[in-house]
Each structure stands twice: as C-alpha cells, then as structure tokens.
Amino acid sequence: MKDRDELWQRLFRAARQPETAPVIPFGFATRVLALAREETPNGSGVIALFARRATTIALAVIACAAAGLYRTSASETNWEVTNEYGIADSAIQNNLSE
C-alpha cells in the first residue's frame, strides 16, 4: 500500500511542475545550416538531381514525339503512304502463307 501511495505522490509532484518549452539541442541549427550550404551535395541530392534531369529529358522526348505524330497525322500525303504500306503488307502476308 505504501508503494502505491508513494507512486501517486511522485506522479502528482511531476504533474504540478510547470511545462518547459522544448529546446533545440545545442548546435542543431548550426548543423542544419552547414548541411544546407554544403557545396558538394550528399547522396540524396545526387539522386534528386538525376531524377530532375531524367524527367526533363523524358519530357523533351515526349514533346518531340507528339510534334512528329501531329505533323504526320496533319499531312495529306499520309493516306497515300499508308495505303502503299497496306498493299505491301498484304502482299508479304500472301507470299508467306503460301
């Protein structure tokens, strides 16, 4: 019984103490600023830089492909070329099936 009363008293004493504001550990802000101003990027910075460059290159390839597709579909001679390819394809299919 005494142990229980002692535990309750300790709990109440701890609850009565005023809350202290959280304090940043000594030198933490300095370390964060030093890492932010670091000239050579760390590993995650290199990965982020690679991902950014890969995304830029992929967007450029997509833009070129879209422009080429639009140009091909907008031309009027496309139907003649497609028809010639269709004729050649059917001739190849007929020769292979014999």
PDB file of N, CA and C in Angstrom:
ATOM      1  N   MET A   1       0.818  -1.188   0.000  1.00  0.00           N
ATOM      2  CA  MET A   1       0.000   0.000   0.000  1.00  0.00           C
ATOM      3  C   MET A   1       0.864   1.255   0.000  1.00  0.00           C
ATOM      4  N   LYS A   2       1.974   1.181   0.723  1.00  0.00           N
ATOM      5  CA  LYS A   2       2.853   2.334   0.809  1.00  0.00           C
ATOM      6  C   LYS A   2       3.469   2.635  -0.547  1.00  0.00           C
ATOM      7  N   ASP A   3       3.839   1.603  -1.283  1.00  0.00           N
ATOM      8  CA  ASP A   3       4.429   1.814  -2.594  1.00  0.00           C
ATOM      9  C   ASP A   3       3.447   2.507  -3.533  1.00  0.00           C
ATOM     10  N   ARG A   4       2.202   2.114  -3.454  1.00  0.00           N
ATOM     11  CA  ARG A   4       1.192   2.726  -4.312  1.00  0.00           C
ATOM     12  C   ARG A   4       1.016   4.205  -3.966  1.00  0.00           C
ATOM     13  N   ASP A   5       0.955   4.536  -2.678  1.00  0.00           N
ATOM     14  CA  ASP A   5       0.818   5.941  -2.266  1.00  0.00           C
ATOM     15  C   ASP A   5       2.034   6.752  -2.687  1.00  0.00           C
ATOM     16  N   GLU A   6       3.201   6.147  -2.554  1.00  0.00           N
ATOM     17  CA  GLU A   6       4.422   6.848  -2.962  1.00  0.00           C
ATOM     18  C   GLU A   6       4.440   7.111  -4.464  1.00  0.00           C
ATOM     19  N   LEU A   7       4.005   6.147  -5.240  1.00  0.00           N
ATOM     20  CA  LEU A   7       3.928   6.342  -6.695  1.00  0.00           C
ATOM     21  C   LEU A   7       2.946   7.442  -7.056  1.00  0.00           C
ATOM     22  N   TRP A   8       1.795   7.459  -6.385  1.00  0.00           N
ATOM     23  CA  TRP A   8       0.814   8.523  -6.668  1.00  0.00           C
ATOM     24  C   TRP A   8       1.368   9.900  -6.306  1.00  0.00           C
ATOM     25  N   GLN A   9       2.085   9.988  -5.185  1.00  0.00           N
ATOM     26  CA  GLN A   9       2.659  11.266  -4.766  1.00  0.00           C
ATOM     27  C   GLN A   9       3.694  11.757  -5.785  1.00  0.00           C
ATOM     28  N   ARG A  10       4.514  10.842  -6.254  1.00  0.00           N
ATOM     29  CA  ARG A  10       5.510  11.212  -7.272  1.00  0.00           C
ATOM     30  C   ARG A  10       4.831  11.668  -8.558  1.00  0.00           C
ATOM     31  N   LEU A  11       3.755  10.983  -8.928  1.00  0.00           N
ATOM     32  CA  LEU A  11       3.016  11.361 -10.131  1.00  0.00           C
ATOM     33  C   LEU A  11       2.409  12.748  -9.983  1.00  0.00           C
ATOM     34  N   PHE A  12       1.811  13.025  -8.841  1.00  0.00           N
ATOM     35  CA  PHE A  12       1.205  14.341  -8.621  1.00  0.00           C
ATOM     36  C   PHE A  12       2.259  15.447  -8.587  1.00  0.00           C
ATOM     37  N   ARG A  13       3.436  15.164  -7.977  1.00  0.00           N
ATOM     38  CA  ARG A  13       4.509  16.162  -7.966  1.00  0.00           C
ATOM     39  C   ARG A  13       4.982  16.464  -9.389  1.00  0.00           C
ATOM     40  N   ALA A  14       5.095  15.429 -10.205  1.00  0.00           N
ATOM     41  CA  ALA A  14       5.537  15.637 -11.593  1.00  0.00           C
ATOM     42  C   ALA A  14       4.494  16.422 -12.379  1.00  0.00           C
ATOM     43  N   ALA A  15       3.217  16.195 -12.085  1.00  0.00           N
ATOM     44  CA  ALA A  15       2.158  16.898 -12.805  1.00  0.00           C
ATOM     45  C   ALA A  15       2.090  18.363 -12.395  1.00  0.00           C
ATOM     46  N   ARG A  16       2.471  18.685 -11.155  1.00  0.00           N
ATOM     47  CA  ARG A  16       2.413  20.074 -10.697  1.00  0.00           C
ATOM     48  C   ARG A  16       3.519  20.940 -11.265  1.00  0.00           C
ATOM     49  N   GLN A  17       4.596  20.349 -11.726  1.00  0.00           N
ATOM     50  CA  GLN A  17       5.710  21.142 -12.241  1.00  0.00           C
ATOM     51  C   GLN A  17       5.287  21.803 -13.549  1.00  0.00           C
ATOM     52  N   PRO A  18       5.673  23.063 -13.744  1.00  0.00           N
ATOM     53  CA  PRO A  18       5.293  23.759 -14.986  1.00  0.00           C
ATOM     54  C   PRO A  18       5.984  23.133 -16.191  1.00  0.00           C
ATOM     55  N   GLU A  19       5.293  23.178 -17.318  1.00  0.00           N
ATOM     56  CA  GLU A  19       5.868  22.635 -18.550  1.00  0.00           C
ATOM     57  C   GLU A  19       6.976  23.549 -19.047  1.00  0.00           C
ATOM     58  N   THR A  20       8.025  22.950 -19.512  1.00  0.00           N
ATOM     59  CA  THR A  20       9.115  23.730 -20.091  1.00  0.00           C
ATOM     60  C   THR A  20       8.985  23.657 -21.606  1.00  0.00           C
ATOM     61  N   ALA A  21       9.313  24.741 -22.248  1.00  0.00           N
ATOM     62  CA  ALA A  21       9.261  24.788 -23.712  1.00  0.00           C
ATOM     63  C   ALA A  21      10.344  23.871 -24.279  1.00  0.00           C
ATOM     64  N   PRO A  22      10.039  23.172 -25.364  1.00  0.00           N
ATOM     65  CA  PRO A  22      11.074  22.306 -25.950  1.00  0.00           C
ATOM     66  C   PRO A  22      12.239  23.147 -26.457  1.00  0.00           C
ATOM     67  N   VAL A  23      13.412  22.659 -26.211  1.00  0.00           N
ATOM     68  CA  VAL A  23      14.623  23.386 -26.580  1.00  0.00           C
ATOM     69  C   VAL A  23      15.342  22.598 -27.665  1.00  0.00           C
ATOM     70  N   ILE A  24      15.787  23.317 -28.686  1.00  0.00           N
ATOM     71  CA  ILE A  24      16.562  22.676 -29.743  1.00  0.00           C
ATOM     72  C   ILE A  24      17.924  22.298 -29.182  1.00  0.00           C
ATOM     73  N   PRO A  25      18.369  21.087 -29.456  1.00  0.00           N
ATOM     74  CA  PRO A  25      19.691  20.688 -28.947  1.00  0.00           C
ATOM     75  C   PRO A  25      20.786  21.644 -29.411  1.00  0.00           C
ATOM     76  N   PHE A  26      21.810  21.764 -28.567  1.00  0.00           N
ATOM     77  CA  PHE A  26      22.885  22.699 -28.853  1.00  0.00           C
ATOM     78  C   PHE A  26      23.572  22.350 -30.162  1.00  0.00           C
ATOM     79  N   GLY A  27      23.682  23.326 -31.042  1.00  0.00           N
ATOM     80  CA  GLY A  27      24.382  23.156 -32.307  1.00  0.00           C
ATOM     81  C   GLY A  27      23.536  22.566 -33.424  1.00  0.00           C
ATOM     82  N   PHE A  28      22.269  22.237 -33.158  1.00  0.00           N
ATOM     83  CA  PHE A  28      21.433  21.624 -34.182  1.00  0.00           C
ATOM     84  C   PHE A  28      21.195  22.585 -35.347  1.00  0.00           C
ATOM     85  N   ALA A  29      20.848  23.832 -35.040  1.00  0.00           N
ATOM     86  CA  ALA A  29      20.600  24.821 -36.088  1.00  0.00           C
ATOM     87  C   ALA A  29      21.862  25.066 -36.908  1.00  0.00           C
ATOM     88  N   THR A  30      22.997  25.071 -36.251  1.00  0.00           N
ATOM     89  CA  THR A  30      24.263  25.273 -36.956  1.00  0.00           C
ATOM     90  C   THR A  30      24.541  24.114 -37.912  1.00  0.00           C
ATOM     91  N   ARG A  31      24.276  22.880 -37.466  1.00  0.00           N
ATOM     92  CA  ARG A  31      24.497  21.723 -38.336  1.00  0.00           C
ATOM     93  C   ARG A  31      23.555  21.744 -39.531  1.00  0.00           C
ATOM     94  N   VAL A  32      22.295  22.138 -39.309  1.00  0.00           N
ATOM     95  CA  VAL A  32      21.332  22.193 -40.411  1.00  0.00           C
ATOM     96  C   VAL A  32      21.760  23.230 -41.433  1.00  0.00           C
ATOM     97  N   LEU A  33      22.173  24.412 -40.981  1.00  0.00           N
ATOM     98  CA  LEU A  33      22.633  25.452 -41.899  1.00  0.00           C
ATOM     99  C   LEU A  33      23.899  25.022 -42.632  1.00  0.00           C
ATOM    100  N   ALA A  34      24.785  24.344 -41.946  1.00  0.00           N
ATOM    101  CA  ALA A  34      26.019  23.887 -42.596  1.00  0.00           C
ATOM    102  C   ALA A  34      25.707  22.873 -43.690  1.00  0.00           C
ATOM    103  N   LEU A  35      24.766  21.961 -43.437  1.00  0.00           N
ATOM    104  CA  LEU A  35      24.393  20.983 -44.456  1.00  0.00           C
ATOM    105  C   LEU A  35      23.671  21.639 -45.629  1.00  0.00           C
ATOM    106  N   ALA A  36      22.882  22.672 -45.352  1.00  0.00           N
ATOM    107  CA  ALA A  36      22.164  23.358 -46.424  1.00  0.00           C
ATOM    108  C   ALA A  36      23.119  24.126 -47.322  1.00  0.00           C
ATOM    109  N   ARG A  37      24.186  24.657 -46.751  1.00  0.00           N
ATOM    110  CA  ARG A  37      25.140  25.454 -47.528  1.00  0.00           C
ATOM    111  C   ARG A  37      26.310  24.626 -48.050  1.00  0.00           C
ATOM    112  N   GLU A  38      26.236  23.335 -47.888  1.00  0.00           N
ATOM    113  CA  GLU A  38      27.307  22.442 -48.319  1.00  0.00           C
ATOM    114  C   GLU A  38      27.470  22.521 -49.842  1.00  0.00           C
ATOM    115  N   GLU A  39      28.707  22.640 -50.303  1.00  0.00           N
ATOM    116  CA  GLU A  39      28.954  22.780 -51.742  1.00  0.00           C
ATOM    117  C   GLU A  39      28.797  21.459 -52.475  1.00  0.00           C
ATOM    118  N   THR A  40      29.284  20.370 -51.915  1.00  0.00           N
ATOM    119  CA  THR A  40      29.130  19.073 -52.571  1.00  0.00           C
ATOM    120  C   THR A  40      27.859  18.426 -52.032  1.00  0.00           C
ATOM    121  N   PRO A  41      26.922  18.070 -52.928  1.00  0.00           N
ATOM    122  CA  PRO A  41      25.663  17.504 -52.445  1.00  0.00           C
ATOM    123  C   PRO A  41      25.862  16.102 -51.873  1.00  0.00           C
ATOM    124  N   ASN A  42      24.995  15.766 -50.932  1.00  0.00           N
ATOM    125  CA  ASN A  42      25.068  14.427 -50.365  1.00  0.00           C
ATOM    126  C   ASN A  42      24.366  13.442 -51.299  1.00  0.00           C
ATOM    127  N   GLY A  43      24.244  12.204 -50.924  1.00  0.00           N
ATOM    128  CA  GLY A  43      23.709  11.159 -51.792  1.00  0.00           C
ATOM    129  C   GLY A  43      22.300  11.439 -52.273  1.00  0.00           C
ATOM    130  N   SER A  44      21.426  11.903 -51.406  1.00  0.00           N
ATOM    131  CA  SER A  44      20.052  12.156 -51.819  1.00  0.00           C
ATOM    132  C   SER A  44      19.976  13.336 -52.779  1.00  0.00           C
ATOM    133  N   GLY A  45      20.876  14.272 -52.643  1.00  0.00           N
ATOM    134  CA  GLY A  45      20.915  15.398 -53.576  1.00  0.00           C
ATOM    135  C   GLY A  45      21.298  14.965 -54.973  1.00  0.00           C
ATOM    136  N   VAL A  46      22.214  14.023 -55.054  1.00  0.00           N
ATOM    137  CA  VAL A  46      22.634  13.492 -56.355  1.00  0.00           C
ATOM    138  C   VAL A  46      21.477  12.751 -57.016  1.00  0.00           C
ATOM    139  N   ILE A  47      20.757  11.963 -56.236  1.00  0.00           N
ATOM    140  CA  ILE A  47      19.607  11.229 -56.774  1.00  0.00           C
ATOM    141  C   ILE A  47      18.533  12.194 -57.250  1.00  0.00           C
ATOM    142  N   ALA A  48      18.270  13.236 -56.481  1.00  0.00           N
ATOM    143  CA  ALA A  48      17.264  14.225 -56.870  1.00  0.00           C
ATOM    144  C   ALA A  48      17.686  14.942 -58.145  1.00  0.00           C
ATOM    145  N   LEU A  49      18.956  15.267 -58.271  1.00  0.00           N
ATOM    146  CA  LEU A  49      19.456  15.926 -59.474  1.00  0.00           C
ATOM    147  C   LEU A  49      19.313  15.011 -60.687  1.00  0.00           C
ATOM    148  N   PHE A  50      19.638  13.724 -60.525  1.00  0.00           N
ATOM    149  CA  PHE A  50      19.482  12.758 -61.615  1.00  0.00           C
ATOM    150  C   PHE A  50      18.015  12.622 -62.017  1.00  0.00           C
ATOM    151  N   ALA A  51      17.128  12.541 -61.039  1.00  0.00           N
ATOM    152  CA  ALA A  51      15.696  12.412 -61.336  1.00  0.00           C
ATOM    153  C   ALA A  51      15.179  13.641 -62.068  1.00  0.00           C
ATOM    154  N   ARG A  52      15.636  14.815 -61.676  1.00  0.00           N
ATOM    155  CA  ARG A  52      15.200  16.049 -62.331  1.00  0.00           C
ATOM    156  C   ARG A  52      15.675  16.074 -63.785  1.00  0.00           C
ATOM    157  N   ARG A  53      16.931  15.677 -64.027  1.00  0.00           N
ATOM    158  CA  ARG A  53      17.455  15.663 -65.397  1.00  0.00           C
ATOM    159  C   ARG A  53      16.760  14.607 -66.243  1.00  0.00           C
ATOM    160  N   ALA A  54      16.507  13.439 -65.662  1.00  0.00           N
ATOM    161  CA  ALA A  54      15.817  12.372 -66.398  1.00  0.00           C
ATOM    162  C   ALA A  54      14.398  12.803 -66.763  1.00  0.00           C
ATOM    163  N   THR A  55      13.732  13.496 -65.872  1.00  0.00           N
ATOM    164  CA  THR A  55      12.387  13.989 -66.146  1.00  0.00           C
ATOM    165  C   THR A  55      12.410  15.017 -67.266  1.00  0.00           C
ATOM    166  N   THR A  56      13.382  15.898 -67.255  1.00  0.00           N
ATOM    167  CA  THR A  56      13.489  16.907 -68.305  1.00  0.00           C
ATOM    168  C   THR A  56      13.725  16.258 -69.662  1.00  0.00           C
ATOM    169  N   ILE A  57      14.609  15.280 -69.707  1.00  0.00           N
ATOM    170  CA  ILE A  57      14.885  14.588 -70.974  1.00  0.00           C
ATOM    171  C   ILE A  57      13.655  13.830 -71.443  1.00  0.00           C
ATOM    172  N   ALA A  58      12.949  13.172 -70.524  1.00  0.00           N
ATOM    173  CA  ALA A  58      11.742  12.428 -70.895  1.00  0.00           C
ATOM    174  C   ALA A  58      10.667  13.358 -71.432  1.00  0.00           C
ATOM    175  N   LEU A  59      10.509  14.521 -70.825  1.00  0.00           N
ATOM    176  CA  LEU A  59       9.518  15.483 -71.324  1.00  0.00           C
ATOM    177  C   LEU A  59       9.898  15.996 -72.706  1.00  0.00           C
ATOM    178  N   ALA A  60      11.190  16.194 -72.965  1.00  0.00           N
ATOM    179  CA  ALA A  60      11.622  16.640 -74.286  1.00  0.00           C
ATOM    180  C   ALA A  60      11.339  15.566 -75.338  1.00  0.00           C
ATOM    181  N   VAL A  61      11.586  14.305 -75.005  1.00  0.00           N
ATOM    182  CA  VAL A  61      11.306  13.211 -75.943  1.00  0.00           C
ATOM    183  C   VAL A  61       9.808  13.113 -76.213  1.00  0.00           C
ATOM    184  N   ILE A  62       8.995  13.244 -75.176  1.00  0.00           N
ATOM    185  CA  ILE A  62       7.538  13.196 -75.349  1.00  0.00           C
ATOM    186  C   ILE A  62       7.061  14.341 -76.233  1.00  0.00           C
ATOM    187  N   ALA A  63       7.616  15.543 -76.027  1.00  0.00           N
ATOM    188  CA  ALA A  63       7.221  16.696 -76.841  1.00  0.00           C
ATOM    189  C   ALA A  63       7.594  16.477 -78.308  1.00  0.00           C
ATOM    190  N   CYS A  64       8.792  15.947 -78.556  1.00  0.00           N
ATOM    191  CA  CYS A  64       9.212  15.681 -79.947  1.00  0.00           C
ATOM    192  C   CYS A  64       8.326  14.613 -80.586  1.00  0.00           C
ATOM    193  N   ALA A  65       7.996  13.575 -79.844  1.00  0.00           N
ATOM    194  CA  ALA A  65       7.142  12.513 -80.379  1.00  0.00           C
ATOM    195  C   ALA A  65       5.743  13.042 -80.672  1.00  0.00           C
ATOM    196  N   ALA A  66       5.206  13.875 -79.790  1.00  0.00           N
ATOM    197  CA  ALA A  66       3.879  14.441 -80.017  1.00  0.00           C
ATOM    198  C   ALA A  66       3.878  15.360 -81.234  1.00  0.00           C
ATOM    199  N   ALA A  67       4.931  16.156 -81.387  1.00  0.00           N
ATOM    200  CA  ALA A  67       5.016  17.040 -82.554  1.00  0.00           C
ATOM    201  C   ALA A  67       5.117  16.219 -83.842  1.00  0.00           C
ATOM    202  N   GLY A  68       5.905  15.166 -83.833  1.00  0.00           N
ATOM    203  CA  GLY A  68       6.022  14.317 -85.015  1.00  0.00           C
ATOM    204  C   GLY A  68       4.717  13.616 -85.346  1.00  0.00           C
ATOM    205  N   LEU A  69       4.012  13.147 -84.343  1.00  0.00           N
ATOM    206  CA  LEU A  69       2.723  12.487 -84.563  1.00  0.00           C
ATOM    207  C   LEU A  69       1.701  13.460 -85.127  1.00  0.00           C
ATOM    208  N   TYR A  70       1.685  14.679 -84.591  1.00  0.00           N
ATOM    209  CA  TYR A  70       0.761  15.682 -85.096  1.00  0.00           C
ATOM    210  C   TYR A  70       1.093  16.033 -86.543  1.00  0.00           C
ATOM    211  N   ARG A  71       2.365  16.188 -86.823  1.00  0.00           N
ATOM    212  CA  ARG A  71       2.784  16.546 -88.183  1.00  0.00           C
ATOM    213  C   ARG A  71       2.439  15.431 -89.174  1.00  0.00           C
ATOM    214  N   THR A  72       2.625  14.191 -88.750  1.00  0.00           N
ATOM    215  CA  THR A  72       2.315  13.061 -89.608  1.00  0.00           C
ATOM    216  C   THR A  72       0.812  12.941 -89.847  1.00  0.00           C
ATOM    217  N   SER A  73       0.023  13.136 -88.801  1.00  0.00           N
ATOM    218  CA  SER A  73      -1.420  12.989 -88.946  1.00  0.00           C
ATOM    219  C   SER A  73      -2.044  14.175 -89.678  1.00  0.00           C
ATOM    220  N   ALA A  74      -1.378  15.323 -89.689  1.00  0.00           N
ATOM    221  CA  ALA A  74      -1.925  16.506 -90.338  1.00  0.00           C
ATOM    222  C   ALA A  74      -1.613  16.555 -91.831  1.00  0.00           C
ATOM    223  N   SER A  75      -0.632  15.778 -92.275  1.00  0.00           N
ATOM    224  CA  SER A  75      -0.266  15.853 -93.689  1.00  0.00           C
ATOM    225  C   SER A  75      -1.271  15.084 -94.540  1.00  0.00           C
ATOM    226  N   GLU A  76      -1.526  15.579 -95.765  1.00  0.00           N
ATOM    227  CA  GLU A  76      -2.499  14.948 -96.654  1.00  0.00           C
ATOM    228  C   GLU A  76      -1.893  13.767 -97.404  1.00  0.00           C
ATOM    229  N   THR A  77      -0.577  13.729 -97.536  1.00  0.00           N
ATOM    230  CA  THR A  77       0.059  12.625 -98.254  1.00  0.00           C
ATOM    231  C   THR A  77       0.148  11.380 -97.393  1.00  0.00           C
ATOM    232  N   ASN A  78      -0.230  11.493 -96.136  1.00  0.00           N
ATOM    233  CA  ASN A  78      -0.157  10.368 -95.222  1.00  0.00           C
ATOM    234  C   ASN A  78      -1.027   9.209 -95.697  1.00  0.00           C
ATOM    235  N   TRP A  79      -2.189   9.503 -96.287  1.00  0.00           N
ATOM    236  CA  TRP A  79      -3.101   8.441 -96.703  1.00  0.00           C
ATOM    237  C   TRP A  79      -2.501   7.615 -97.847  1.00  0.00           C
ATOM    238  N   GLU A  80      -1.774   8.289 -98.730  1.00  0.00           N
ATOM    239  CA  GLU A  80      -1.156   7.560 -99.829  1.00  0.00           C
ATOM    240  C   GLU A  80      -0.051   6.634 -99.319  1.00  0.00           C
ATOM    241  N   VAL A  81       0.749   7.131 -98.399  1.00  0.00           N
ATOM    242  CA  VAL A  81       1.835   6.327 -97.846  1.00  0.00           C
ATOM    243  C   VAL A  81       1.257   5.150 -97.074  1.00  0.00           C
ATOM    244  N   THR A  82       0.219   5.396 -96.302  1.00  0.00           N
ATOM    245  CA  THR A  82      -0.398   4.322 -95.532  1.00  0.00           C
ATOM    246  C   THR A  82      -0.974   3.269 -96.455  1.00  0.00           C
ATOM    247  N   ASN A  83      -1.597   3.703 -97.546  1.00  0.00           N
ATOM    248  CA  ASN A  83      -2.170   2.754 -98.491  1.00  0.00           C
ATOM    249  C   ASN A  83      -1.075   1.904 -99.138  1.00  0.00           C
ATOM    250  N   GLU A  84       0.051   2.534 -99.479  1.00  0.00           N
ATOM    251  CA  GLU A  84       1.158   1.776-100.063  1.00  0.00           C
ATOM    252  C   GLU A  84       1.698   0.758 -99.074  1.00  0.00           C
ATOM    253  N   TYR A  85       1.819   1.149 -97.816  1.00  0.00           N
ATOM    254  CA  TYR A  85       2.280   0.209 -96.806  1.00  0.00           C
ATOM    255  C   TYR A  85       1.275  -0.934 -96.628  1.00  0.00           C
ATOM    256  N   GLY A  86      -0.003  -0.632 -96.718  1.00  0.00           N
ATOM    257  CA  GLY A  86      -1.023  -1.668 -96.599  1.00  0.00           C
ATOM    258  C   GLY A  86      -0.949  -2.665 -97.743  1.00  0.00           C
ATOM    259  N   ILE A  87      -0.726  -2.163 -98.940  1.00  0.00           N
ATOM    260  CA  ILE A  87      -0.599  -3.048-100.100  1.00  0.00           C
ATOM    261  C   ILE A  87       0.629  -3.934 -99.956  1.00  0.00           C
ATOM    262  N   ALA A  88       1.750  -3.337 -99.563  1.00  0.00           N
ATOM    263  CA  ALA A  88       2.977  -4.111 -99.390  1.00  0.00           C
ATOM    264  C   ALA A  88       2.816  -5.149 -98.273  1.00  0.00           C
ATOM    265  N   ASP A  89       2.145  -4.767 -97.206  1.00  0.00           N
ATOM    266  CA  ASP A  89       1.939  -5.692 -96.093  1.00  0.00           C
ATOM    267  C   ASP A  89       1.064  -6.871 -96.509  1.00  0.00           C
ATOM    268  N   SER A  90       0.003  -6.600 -97.232  1.00  0.00           N
ATOM    269  CA  SER A  90      -0.863  -7.703 -97.669  1.00  0.00           C
ATOM    270  C   SER A  90      -0.134  -8.610 -98.660  1.00  0.00           C
ATOM    271  N   ALA A  91       0.727  -8.051 -99.511  1.00  0.00           N
ATOM    272  CA  ALA A  91       1.498  -8.878-100.444  1.00  0.00           C
ATOM    273  C   ALA A  91       2.469  -9.775 -99.684  1.00  0.00           C
ATOM    274  N   ILE A  92       3.094  -9.253 -98.658  1.00  0.00           N
ATOM    275  CA  ILE A  92       4.020 -10.060 -97.859  1.00  0.00           C
ATOM    276  C   ILE A  92       3.260 -11.168 -97.144  1.00  0.00           C
ATOM    277  N   GLN A  93       2.106 -10.826 -96.598  1.00  0.00           N
ATOM    278  CA  GLN A  93       1.296 -11.841 -95.893  1.00  0.00           C
ATOM    279  C   GLN A  93       0.877 -12.953 -96.845  1.00  0.00           C
ATOM    280  N   ASN A  94       0.480 -12.576 -98.059  1.00  0.00           N
ATOM    281  CA  ASN A  94       0.050 -13.589 -99.037  1.00  0.00           C
ATOM    282  C   ASN A  94       1.211 -14.483 -99.448  1.00  0.00           C
ATOM    283  N   ASN A  95       2.408 -13.933 -99.625  1.00  0.00           N
ATOM    284  CA  ASN A  95       3.554 -14.727-100.029  1.00  0.00           C
ATOM    285  C   ASN A  95       4.025 -15.652 -98.903  1.00  0.00           C
ATOM    286  N   LEU A  96       3.895 -15.216 -97.643  1.00  0.00           N
ATOM    287  CA  LEU A  96       4.336 -16.040 -96.536  1.00  0.00           C
ATOM    288  C   LEU A  96       3.359 -17.192 -96.262  1.00  0.00           C
ATOM    289  N   SER A  97       2.083 -16.979 -96.572  1.00  0.00           N
ATOM    290  CA  SER A  97       1.110 -18.017 -96.256  1.00  0.00           C
ATOM    291  C   SER A  97       1.124 -19.145 -97.301  1.00  0.00           C
ATOM    292  N   GLU A  98       1.773 -18.954 -98.445  1.00  0.00           N
ATOM    293  CA  GLU A  98       1.801 -19.992 -99.484  1.00  0.00           C
ATOM    294  C   GLU A  98       2.694 -21.103 -99.150  1.00  0.00           C
TER     295      GLU A  98
END
